[in-house]
PDB file of N, CA and C in Angstrom:
ATOM      1  N   MET A   1      68.660   5.732 -44.990  1.00  0.00           N
ATOM      2  CA  MET A   1      68.619   7.107 -46.941  1.00  0.00           C
ATOM      3  C   MET A   1      67.287   7.642 -45.931  1.00  0.00           C
ATOM      4  N   PRO A   2      67.766   8.525 -45.813  1.00  0.00           N
ATOM      5  CA  PRO A   2      66.670   9.246 -45.192  1.00  0.00           C
ATOM      6  C   PRO A   2      65.286   9.902 -46.501  1.00  0.00           C
ATOM      7  N   MET A   3      63.797   9.358 -46.642  1.00  0.00           N
ATOM      8  CA  MET A   3      63.564  10.027 -47.724  1.00  0.00           C
ATOM      9  C   MET A   3      62.666  11.103 -46.880  1.00  0.00           C
ATOM     10  N   TYR A   4      62.131  12.558 -48.053  1.00  0.00           N
ATOM     11  CA  TYR A   4      61.086  13.200 -48.110  1.00  0.00           C
ATOM     12  C   TYR A   4      59.804  12.506 -48.222  1.00  0.00           C
ATOM     13  N   VAL A   5      58.814  13.346 -47.331  1.00  0.00           N
ATOM     14  CA  VAL A   5      57.094  12.785 -47.139  1.00  0.00           C
ATOM     15  C   VAL A   5      56.259  13.393 -47.630  1.00  0.00           C
ATOM     16  N   HIS A   6      56.050  13.698 -49.113  1.00  0.00           N
ATOM     17  CA  HIS A   6      55.089  15.030 -48.862  1.00  0.00           C
ATOM     18  C   HIS A   6      53.370  14.222 -49.162  1.00  0.00           C
ATOM     19  N   ALA A   7      52.816  14.453 -47.524  1.00  0.00           N
ATOM     20  CA  ALA A   7      51.401  14.422 -47.669  1.00  0.00           C
ATOM     21  C   ALA A   7      50.738  15.236 -47.815  1.00  0.00           C
ATOM     22  N   VAL A   8      49.490  14.833 -49.201  1.00  0.00           N
ATOM     23  CA  VAL A   8      48.115  16.157 -48.565  1.00  0.00           C
ATOM     24  C   VAL A   8      47.218  15.339 -48.921  1.00  0.00           C
ATOM     25  N   TYR A   9      46.173  15.524 -48.196  1.00  0.00           N
ATOM     26  CA  TYR A   9      45.041  14.921 -47.327  1.00  0.00           C
ATOM     27  C   TYR A   9      43.207  16.263 -48.145  1.00  0.00           C
ATOM     28  N   PHE A  10      42.480  15.756 -48.721  1.00  0.00           N
ATOM     29  CA  PHE A  10      42.312  16.659 -49.698  1.00  0.00           C
ATOM     30  C   PHE A  10      40.631  16.070 -49.240  1.00  0.00           C
ATOM     31  N   LYS A  11      39.458  17.489 -48.537  1.00  0.00           N
ATOM     32  CA  LYS A  11      38.046  16.898 -48.487  1.00  0.00           C
ATOM     33  C   LYS A  11      37.609  17.688 -50.112  1.00  0.00           C
ATOM     34  N   CYS A  12      36.583  16.479 -50.788  1.00  0.00           N
ATOM     35  CA  CYS A  12      36.029  17.354 -52.132  1.00  0.00           C
ATOM     36  C   CYS A  12      35.084  17.873 -51.624  1.00  0.00           C
ATOM     37  N   LYS A  13      34.119  18.254 -52.843  1.00  0.00           N
ATOM     38  CA  LYS A  13      33.438  19.156 -53.035  1.00  0.00           C
ATOM     39  C   LYS A  13      31.822  18.309 -53.415  1.00  0.00           C
ATOM     40  N   SER A  14      32.231  17.071 -53.476  1.00  0.00           N
ATOM     41  CA  SER A  14      31.334  16.276 -53.873  1.00  0.00           C
ATOM     42  C   SER A  14      32.293  14.983 -54.097  1.00  0.00           C
ATOM     43  N   GLU A  15      30.960  13.862 -53.685  1.00  0.00           N
ATOM     44  CA  GLU A  15      31.198  12.497 -54.308  1.00  0.00           C
ATOM     45  C   GLU A  15      31.726  12.223 -55.022  1.00  0.00           C
ATOM     46  N   ASP A  16      31.623  12.544 -55.991  1.00  0.00           N
ATOM     47  CA  ASP A  16      31.355  12.541 -57.859  1.00  0.00           C
ATOM     48  C   ASP A  16      33.098  12.721 -57.518  1.00  0.00           C
ATOM     49  N   ASP A  17      34.083  13.396 -57.446  1.00  0.00           N
ATOM     50  CA  ASP A  17      34.786  13.977 -57.617  1.00  0.00           C
ATOM     51  C   ASP A  17      36.135  12.861 -56.380  1.00  0.00           C
ATOM     52  N   VAL A  18      35.702  12.450 -55.854  1.00  0.00           N
ATOM     53  CA  VAL A  18      36.737  11.706 -55.236  1.00  0.00           C
ATOM     54  C   VAL A  18      37.204  10.483 -55.806  1.00  0.00           C
ATOM     55  N   GLU A  19      36.666  10.052 -56.317  1.00  0.00           N
ATOM     56  CA  GLU A  19      37.234   8.392 -57.726  1.00  0.00           C
ATOM     57  C   GLU A  19      38.738   9.202 -59.020  1.00  0.00           C
ATOM     58  N   THR A  20      38.053  10.110 -59.561  1.00  0.00           N
ATOM     59  CA  THR A  20      38.774  10.688 -60.251  1.00  0.00           C
ATOM     60  C   THR A  20      40.269  11.399 -59.778  1.00  0.00           C
ATOM     61  N   LEU A  21      39.632  12.484 -58.237  1.00  0.00           N
ATOM     62  CA  LEU A  21      40.992  12.975 -58.087  1.00  0.00           C
ATOM     63  C   LEU A  21      41.785  11.261 -57.863  1.00  0.00           C
ATOM     64  N   ALA A  22      41.283  10.859 -57.052  1.00  0.00           N
ATOM     65  CA  ALA A  22      42.311   9.873 -56.672  1.00  0.00           C
ATOM     66  C   ALA A  22      43.259   9.250 -58.096  1.00  0.00           C
ATOM     67  N   LYS A  23      42.255   8.494 -59.070  1.00  0.00           N
ATOM     68  CA  LYS A  23      43.421   8.051 -59.838  1.00  0.00           C
ATOM     69  C   LYS A  23      43.985   9.263 -60.657  1.00  0.00           C
ATOM     70  N   ASN A  24      43.115  10.281 -61.343  1.00  0.00           N
ATOM     71  CA  ASN A  24      44.243  11.086 -61.924  1.00  0.00           C
ATOM     72  C   ASN A  24      45.061  11.619 -61.296  1.00  0.00           C
ATOM     73  N   ALA A  25      45.573  11.167 -59.488  1.00  0.00           N
ATOM     74  CA  ALA A  25      46.703  11.099 -59.173  1.00  0.00           C
ATOM     75  C   ALA A  25      47.669   9.979 -59.587  1.00  0.00           C
ATOM     76  N   ARG A  26      47.282   8.960 -59.171  1.00  0.00           N
ATOM     77  CA  ARG A  26      48.047   7.163 -59.512  1.00  0.00           C
ATOM     78  C   ARG A  26      48.647   7.449 -60.672  1.00  0.00           C
ATOM     79  N   GLU A  27      47.533   7.931 -61.748  1.00  0.00           N
ATOM     80  CA  GLU A  27      47.833   8.055 -63.460  1.00  0.00           C
ATOM     81  C   GLU A  27      49.004   9.573 -63.466  1.00  0.00           C
ATOM     82  N   MET A  28      49.212  10.836 -62.757  1.00  0.00           N
ATOM     83  CA  MET A  28      49.970  11.450 -63.176  1.00  0.00           C
ATOM     84  C   MET A  28      51.310  11.775 -62.862  1.00  0.00           C
ATOM     85  N   LEU A  29      50.562  11.954 -61.359  1.00  0.00           N
ATOM     86  CA  LEU A  29      51.692  12.425 -60.519  1.00  0.00           C
ATOM     87  C   LEU A  29      53.166  11.564 -60.347  1.00  0.00           C
ATOM     88  N   GLY A  30      52.864  10.002 -60.736  1.00  0.00           N
ATOM     89  CA  GLY A  30      53.968   8.815 -60.850  1.00  0.00           C
ATOM     90  C   GLY A  30      54.959   9.687 -61.664  1.00  0.00           C
ATOM     91  N   GLN A  31      54.811  10.448 -62.849  1.00  0.00           N
ATOM     92  CA  GLN A  31      55.146  10.330 -64.044  1.00  0.00           C
ATOM     93  C   GLN A  31      55.606  11.081 -63.948  1.00  0.00           C
ATOM     94  N   ILE A  32      56.050  12.363 -62.967  1.00  0.00           N
ATOM     95  CA  ILE A  32      57.241  13.358 -62.827  1.00  0.00           C
ATOM     96  C   ILE A  32      59.118  12.764 -61.891  1.00  0.00           C
ATOM     97  N   PRO A  33      59.911  13.282 -62.622  1.00  0.00           N
ATOM     98  CA  PRO A  33      60.772  12.330 -62.743  1.00  0.00           C
ATOM     99  C   PRO A  33      61.488  12.255 -61.560  1.00  0.00           C
ATOM    100  N   THR A  34      60.987  13.246 -60.326  1.00  0.00           N
ATOM    101  CA  THR A  34      61.729  13.328 -58.284  1.00  0.00           C
ATOM    102  C   THR A  34      61.321  12.375 -58.042  1.00  0.00           C
ATOM    103  N   VAL A  35      59.495  11.726 -58.525  1.00  0.00           N
ATOM    104  CA  VAL A  35      58.635  11.262 -57.531  1.00  0.00           C
ATOM    105  C   VAL A  35      59.612  10.058 -57.707  1.00  0.00           C
ATOM    106  N   GLN A  36      59.501   9.323 -56.573  1.00  0.00           N
ATOM    107  CA  GLN A  36      59.854   7.257 -56.041  1.00  0.00           C
ATOM    108  C   GLN A  36      58.795   7.151 -56.201  1.00  0.00           C
ATOM    109  N   LYS A  37      57.877   7.330 -55.745  1.00  0.00           N
ATOM    110  CA  LYS A  37      56.588   6.709 -55.499  1.00  0.00           C
ATOM    111  C   LYS A  37      55.093   7.810 -55.077  1.00  0.00           C
ATOM    112  N   VAL A  38      53.697   7.311 -55.531  1.00  0.00           N
ATOM    113  CA  VAL A  38      53.124   7.892 -55.009  1.00  0.00           C
ATOM    114  C   VAL A  38      51.936   6.873 -54.763  1.00  0.00           C
ATOM    115  N   HIS A  39      51.128   7.056 -53.393  1.00  0.00           N
ATOM    116  CA  HIS A  39      49.925   6.490 -53.216  1.00  0.00           C
ATOM    117  C   HIS A  39      48.952   6.824 -53.041  1.00  0.00           C
ATOM    118  N   CYS A  40      48.271   7.053 -53.565  1.00  0.00           N
ATOM    119  CA  CYS A  40      46.739   8.113 -53.293  1.00  0.00           C
ATOM    120  C   CYS A  40      44.910   6.871 -53.571  1.00  0.00           C
ATOM    121  N   GLY A  41      44.450   7.208 -52.630  1.00  0.00           N
ATOM    122  CA  GLY A  41      43.397   6.873 -52.767  1.00  0.00           C
ATOM    123  C   GLY A  41      42.343   7.207 -51.929  1.00  0.00           C
ATOM    124  N   ARG A  42      40.942   6.442 -51.085  1.00  0.00           N
ATOM    125  CA  ARG A  42      39.455   7.065 -50.280  1.00  0.00           C
ATOM    126  C   ARG A  42      39.915   6.471 -48.710  1.00  0.00           C
ATOM    127  N   ARG A  43      39.645   7.773 -48.604  1.00  0.00           N
ATOM    128  CA  ARG A  43      39.927   7.361 -46.757  1.00  0.00           C
ATOM    129  C   ARG A  43      38.788   5.697 -46.305  1.00  0.00           C
ATOM    130  N   ASP A  44      40.029   6.212 -45.314  1.00  0.00           N
ATOM    131  CA  ASP A  44      39.284   4.598 -44.869  1.00  0.00           C
ATOM    132  C   ASP A  44      37.519   4.061 -43.997  1.00  0.00           C
ATOM    133  N   PRO A  45      36.790   4.391 -43.743  1.00  0.00           N
ATOM    134  CA  PRO A  45      35.182   4.542 -43.420  1.00  0.00           C
ATOM    135  C   PRO A  45      35.359   4.263 -42.569  1.00  0.00           C
ATOM    136  N   GLY A  46      35.611   3.049 -42.451  1.00  0.00           N
ATOM    137  CA  GLY A  46      36.012   2.062 -40.959  1.00  0.00           C
ATOM    138  C   GLY A  46      37.208   2.415 -39.612  1.00  0.00           C
ATOM    139  N   ALA A  47      37.679   3.123 -40.173  1.00  0.00           N
ATOM    140  CA  ALA A  47      39.099   4.177 -38.926  1.00  0.00           C
ATOM    141  C   ALA A  47      37.805   5.147 -38.703  1.00  0.00           C
ATOM    142  N   SER A  48      38.215   4.701 -37.209  1.00  0.00           N
ATOM    143  CA  SER A  48      36.183   4.978 -37.206  1.00  0.00           C
ATOM    144  C   SER A  48      37.496   6.017 -35.510  1.00  0.00           C
ATOM    145  N   ARG A  49      37.987   5.776 -34.856  1.00  0.00           N
ATOM    146  CA  ARG A  49      39.004   5.149 -33.147  1.00  0.00           C
ATOM    147  C   ARG A  49      39.215   7.285 -32.643  1.00  0.00           C
ATOM    148  N   ASP A  50      39.066   7.602 -31.812  1.00  0.00           N
ATOM    149  CA  ASP A  50      38.994   9.559 -31.364  1.00  0.00           C
ATOM    150  C   ASP A  50      39.945   9.778 -32.395  1.00  0.00           C
ATOM    151  N   VAL A  51      40.671   9.068 -32.602  1.00  0.00           N
ATOM    152  CA  VAL A  51      42.480   9.611 -33.054  1.00  0.00           C
ATOM    153  C   VAL A  51      42.420   9.841 -34.255  1.00  0.00           C
ATOM    154  N   ASN A  52      41.297   8.933 -34.973  1.00  0.00           N
ATOM    155  CA  ASN A  52      41.472   8.766 -36.432  1.00  0.00           C
ATOM    156  C   ASN A  52      41.068  10.624 -37.134  1.00  0.00           C
ATOM    157  N   ASP A  53      41.264  11.300 -37.978  1.00  0.00           N
ATOM    158  CA  ASP A  53      40.889  12.284 -38.664  1.00  0.00           C
ATOM    159  C   ASP A  53      39.751  11.539 -40.172  1.00  0.00           C
ATOM    160  N   THR A  54      38.632  12.074 -39.260  1.00  0.00           N
ATOM    161  CA  THR A  54      37.962  11.846 -40.995  1.00  0.00           C
ATOM    162  C   THR A  54      37.484  13.324 -41.342  1.00  0.00           C
ATOM    163  N   GLY A  55      38.064  14.564 -41.451  1.00  0.00           N
ATOM    164  CA  GLY A  55      38.135  15.791 -42.360  1.00  0.00           C
ATOM    165  C   GLY A  55      38.576  15.726 -43.637  1.00  0.00           C
ATOM    166  N   PHE A  56      38.591  14.320 -44.405  1.00  0.00           N
ATOM    167  CA  PHE A  56      39.184  14.734 -45.420  1.00  0.00           C
ATOM    168  C   PHE A  56      38.683  13.385 -46.492  1.00  0.00           C
ATOM    169  N   HIS A  57      38.712  13.006 -47.784  1.00  0.00           N
ATOM    170  CA  HIS A  57      38.172  11.930 -48.748  1.00  0.00           C
ATOM    171  C   HIS A  57      39.242  11.119 -49.663  1.00  0.00           C
ATOM    172  N   VAL A  58      40.382  12.050 -49.640  1.00  0.00           N
ATOM    173  CA  VAL A  58      42.007  11.360 -49.835  1.00  0.00           C
ATOM    174  C   VAL A  58      42.912  11.607 -49.448  1.00  0.00           C
ATOM    175  N   GLY A  59      43.835  10.665 -49.211  1.00  0.00           N
ATOM    176  CA  GLY A  59      45.127  10.914 -49.247  1.00  0.00           C
ATOM    177  C   GLY A  59      46.011  10.309 -50.426  1.00  0.00           C
ATOM    178  N   LEU A  60      47.201  11.401 -49.961  1.00  0.00           N
ATOM    179  CA  LEU A  60      48.121  11.006 -51.076  1.00  0.00           C
ATOM    180  C   LEU A  60      49.338  11.638 -50.824  1.00  0.00           C
ATOM    181  N   LEU A  61      49.857  10.365 -51.075  1.00  0.00           N
ATOM    182  CA  LEU A  61      51.525   9.883 -50.415  1.00  0.00           C
ATOM    183  C   LEU A  61      52.039  10.486 -51.496  1.00  0.00           C
ATOM    184  N   VAL A  62      53.860  11.024 -51.317  1.00  0.00           N
ATOM    185  CA  VAL A  62      54.340  11.235 -52.753  1.00  0.00           C
ATOM    186  C   VAL A  62      55.712  11.075 -51.464  1.00  0.00           C
ATOM    187  N   LEU A  63      56.681  10.543 -52.594  1.00  0.00           N
ATOM    188  CA  LEU A  63      58.030   9.694 -51.656  1.00  0.00           C
ATOM    189  C   LEU A  63      58.843  10.407 -52.739  1.00  0.00           C
ATOM    190  N   LEU A  64      59.626  11.538 -52.637  1.00  0.00           N
ATOM    191  CA  LEU A  64      60.788  12.043 -53.029  1.00  0.00           C
ATOM    192  C   LEU A  64      62.107  11.752 -52.468  1.00  0.00           C
ATOM    193  N   ALA A  65      63.688  11.875 -52.963  1.00  0.00           N
ATOM    194  CA  ALA A  65      64.699  12.282 -52.439  1.00  0.00           C
ATOM    195  C   ALA A  65      64.762  12.751 -50.986  1.00  0.00           C
ATOM    196  N   ASP A  66      64.621  14.326 -51.390  1.00  0.00           N
ATOM    197  CA  ASP A  66      64.589  15.129 -50.346  1.00  0.00           C
ATOM    198  C   ASP A  66      63.852  16.538 -50.874  1.00  0.00           C
ATOM    199  N   ARG A  67      64.042  17.677 -49.768  1.00  0.00           N
ATOM    200  CA  ARG A  67      63.571  19.060 -49.926  1.00  0.00           C
ATOM    201  C   ARG A  67      63.561  19.130 -51.756  1.00  0.00           C
ATOM    202  N   ALA A  68      64.697  19.216 -51.939  1.00  0.00           N
ATOM    203  CA  ALA A  68      64.978  20.088 -53.415  1.00  0.00           C
ATOM    204  C   ALA A  68      63.706  18.648 -54.726  1.00  0.00           C
ATOM    205  N   ALA A  69      64.171  17.727 -54.657  1.00  0.00           N
ATOM    206  CA  ALA A  69      63.598  17.071 -55.414  1.00  0.00           C
ATOM    207  C   ALA A  69      61.857  17.353 -54.628  1.00  0.00           C
ATOM    208  N   CYS A  70      61.144  17.630 -54.091  1.00  0.00           N
ATOM    209  CA  CYS A  70      60.101  17.854 -53.947  1.00  0.00           C
ATOM    210  C   CYS A  70      59.796  19.277 -54.914  1.00  0.00           C
ATOM    211  N   ASP A  71      60.445  20.158 -54.967  1.00  0.00           N
ATOM    212  CA  ASP A  71      60.522  22.042 -54.875  1.00  0.00           C
ATOM    213  C   ASP A  71      60.175  21.113 -56.657  1.00  0.00           C
ATOM    214  N   ALA A  72      61.440  20.603 -56.921  1.00  0.00           N
ATOM    215  CA  ALA A  72      61.019  19.552 -58.530  1.00  0.00           C
ATOM    216  C   ALA A  72      59.707  19.577 -58.963  1.00  0.00           C
ATOM    217  N   TYR A  73      59.278  18.832 -58.062  1.00  0.00           N
ATOM    218  CA  TYR A  73      58.137  18.035 -58.417  1.00  0.00           C
ATOM    219  C   TYR A  73      57.029  19.034 -57.788  1.00  0.00           C
ATOM    220  N   LEU A  74      57.134  20.384 -57.287  1.00  0.00           N
ATOM    221  CA  LEU A  74      55.467  21.098 -56.758  1.00  0.00           C
ATOM    222  C   LEU A  74      55.515  22.206 -57.735  1.00  0.00           C
ATOM    223  N   GLU A  75      56.659  22.576 -58.861  1.00  0.00           N
ATOM    224  CA  GLU A  75      57.082  22.791 -60.090  1.00  0.00           C
ATOM    225  C   GLU A  75      57.262  22.378 -61.025  1.00  0.00           C
ATOM    226  N   HIS A  76      56.909  21.299 -61.295  1.00  0.00           N
ATOM    227  CA  HIS A  76      57.189  20.350 -62.751  1.00  0.00           C
ATOM    228  C   HIS A  76      55.640  20.758 -63.438  1.00  0.00           C
ATOM    229  N   PRO A  77      55.417  20.469 -64.792  1.00  0.00           N
ATOM    230  CA  PRO A  77      54.157  21.267 -65.254  1.00  0.00           C
ATOM    231  C   PRO A  77      53.207  19.969 -65.157  1.00  0.00           C
ATOM    232  N   ILE A  78      53.268  18.936 -65.429  1.00  0.00           N
ATOM    233  CA  ILE A  78      52.390  17.291 -64.672  1.00  0.00           C
ATOM    234  C   ILE A  78      52.069  18.238 -62.763  1.00  0.00           C
ATOM    235  N   HIS A  79      52.745  18.186 -62.395  1.00  0.00           N
ATOM    236  CA  HIS A  79      51.773  18.489 -61.109  1.00  0.00           C
ATOM    237  C   HIS A  79      51.061  19.774 -61.400  1.00  0.00           C
ATOM    238  N   LEU A  80      51.341  20.450 -61.804  1.00  0.00           N
ATOM    239  CA  LEU A  80      50.497  22.144 -61.697  1.00  0.00           C
ATOM    240  C   LEU A  80      49.301  21.729 -62.376  1.00  0.00           C
ATOM    241  N   GLU A  81      49.358  20.954 -63.709  1.00  0.00           N
ATOM    242  CA  GLU A  81      48.073  20.659 -64.265  1.00  0.00           C
ATOM    243  C   GLU A  81      47.568  19.884 -63.272  1.00  0.00           C
ATOM    244  N   PHE A  82      47.942  18.773 -62.763  1.00  0.00           N
ATOM    245  CA  PHE A  82      47.234  18.229 -61.887  1.00  0.00           C
ATOM    246  C   PHE A  82      45.947  19.050 -60.855  1.00  0.00           C
ATOM    247  N   VAL A  83      47.177  20.096 -60.094  1.00  0.00           N
ATOM    248  CA  VAL A  83      46.555  21.069 -59.541  1.00  0.00           C
ATOM    249  C   VAL A  83      45.219  21.553 -60.074  1.00  0.00           C
ATOM    250  N   LYS A  84      46.135  22.424 -61.620  1.00  0.00           N
ATOM    251  CA  LYS A  84      44.289  23.279 -62.557  1.00  0.00           C
ATOM    252  C   LYS A  84      43.242  21.941 -62.619  1.00  0.00           C
ATOM    253  N   GLN A  85      43.626  21.049 -62.768  1.00  0.00           N
ATOM    254  CA  GLN A  85      42.660  20.414 -63.217  1.00  0.00           C
ATOM    255  C   GLN A  85      41.365  20.341 -62.148  1.00  0.00           C
ATOM    256  N   HIS A  86      42.076  19.596 -60.824  1.00  0.00           N
ATOM    257  CA  HIS A  86      40.931  19.814 -59.256  1.00  0.00           C
ATOM    258  C   HIS A  86      41.179  20.106 -59.009  1.00  0.00           C
ATOM    259  N   ARG A  87      41.933  21.738 -58.473  1.00  0.00           N
ATOM    260  CA  ARG A  87      41.715  22.914 -57.286  1.00  0.00           C
ATOM    261  C   ARG A  87      40.242  22.956 -57.217  1.00  0.00           C
ATOM    262  N   GLU A  88      39.377  22.470 -58.112  1.00  0.00           N
ATOM    263  CA  GLU A  88      37.557  23.918 -58.289  1.00  0.00           C
ATOM    264  C   GLU A  88      37.090  22.689 -57.542  1.00  0.00           C
ATOM    265  N   THR A  89      37.367  21.346 -57.484  1.00  0.00           N
ATOM    266  CA  THR A  89      37.095  19.842 -57.358  1.00  0.00           C
ATOM    267  C   THR A  89      37.014  20.181 -54.771  1.00  0.00           C
ATOM    268  N   TRP A  90      37.973  20.682 -54.765  1.00  0.00           N
ATOM    269  CA  TRP A  90      38.389  20.755 -53.515  1.00  0.00           C
ATOM    270  C   TRP A  90      37.754  21.919 -52.762  1.00  0.00           C
ATOM    271  N   SER A  91      37.429  21.576 -51.567  1.00  0.00           N
ATOM    272  CA  SER A  91      36.677  22.120 -50.250  1.00  0.00           C
ATOM    273  C   SER A  91      38.160  22.236 -48.910  1.00  0.00           C
ATOM    274  N   ASN A  92      39.048  22.251 -49.051  1.00  0.00           N
ATOM    275  CA  ASN A  92      40.310  21.922 -47.936  1.00  0.00           C
ATOM    276  C   ASN A  92      40.715  20.428 -48.764  1.00  0.00           C
ATOM    277  N   VAL A  93      41.927  21.302 -48.478  1.00  0.00           N
ATOM    278  CA  VAL A  93      43.601  20.813 -48.592  1.00  0.00           C
ATOM    279  C   VAL A  93      44.116  20.505 -47.890  1.00  0.00           C
ATOM    280  N   ARG A  94      45.100  19.914 -46.362  1.00  0.00           N
ATOM    281  CA  ARG A  94      45.952  20.516 -46.033  1.00  0.00           C
ATOM    282  C   ARG A  94      47.336  18.839 -46.564  1.00  0.00           C
ATOM    283  N   VAL A  95      49.254  20.293 -46.646  1.00  0.00           N
ATOM    284  CA  VAL A  95      49.488  19.896 -46.842  1.00  0.00           C
ATOM    285  C   VAL A  95      50.801  19.316 -45.707  1.00  0.00           C
ATOM    286  N   PHE A  96      51.431  17.976 -45.059  1.00  0.00           N
ATOM    287  CA  PHE A  96      52.381  17.910 -44.636  1.00  0.00           C
ATOM    288  C   PHE A  96      53.434  17.464 -45.246  1.00  0.00           C
ATOM    289  N   ASP A  97      54.355  18.371 -44.882  1.00  0.00           N
ATOM    290  CA  ASP A  97      55.786  17.747 -45.438  1.00  0.00           C
ATOM    291  C   ASP A  97      57.178  16.747 -44.585  1.00  0.00           C
ATOM    292  N   PHE A  98      58.014  16.160 -44.100  1.00  0.00           N
ATOM    293  CA  PHE A  98      58.721  15.792 -43.210  1.00  0.00           C
ATOM    294  C   PHE A  98      59.502  14.644 -44.297  1.00  0.00           C
ATOM    295  N   ILE A  99      60.832  14.756 -43.367  1.00  0.00           N
ATOM    296  CA  ILE A  99      61.762  13.842 -43.366  1.00  0.00           C
ATOM    297  C   ILE A  99      61.670  12.140 -42.114  1.00  0.00           C
ATOM    298  N   ALA A 100      61.353  11.221 -43.148  1.00  0.00           N
ATOM    299  CA  ALA A 100      61.332  10.071 -42.992  1.00  0.00           C
ATOM    300  C   ALA A 100      63.093   9.465 -42.868  1.00  0.00           C
ATOM    301  N   PRO A 101      63.610   9.053 -41.627  1.00  0.00           N
ATOM    302  CA  PRO A 101      65.344   8.595 -41.592  1.00  0.00           C
ATOM    303  C   PRO A 101      64.920   7.188 -41.945  1.00  0.00           C
TER     304      PRO A 101
END
C-alpha cells in the first residue's frame, strides 16, 4: 500500500528555537486524525559527507495515506496553530512531498 510522505526541513533563526520546534511538532501534529506517524528531530551534526545537506536544524516527516489525507492535514486547525506558533522562528523552510510505494 503506497504512503504519502510530507517531509519538511526547518532552518531556525536561533538555536533556542530548535528543541521547542521539534518537541511541539511531535506533540501537536500527531494528534491530527489523518496523520499515521510523525518523526521529528534535530539534524545529525555527525552526518557530514559531501552529499549531506547541512542547511537545516530540524527535520520533520509526516506519514499519511494519500494526497487527500495530506491536504486535510495542511488545513487542520492543529497544523495551522503549529505554523502560527513557529513561523517567526524559521529563517527557511523546505517541503518535499512524495509517494512511497
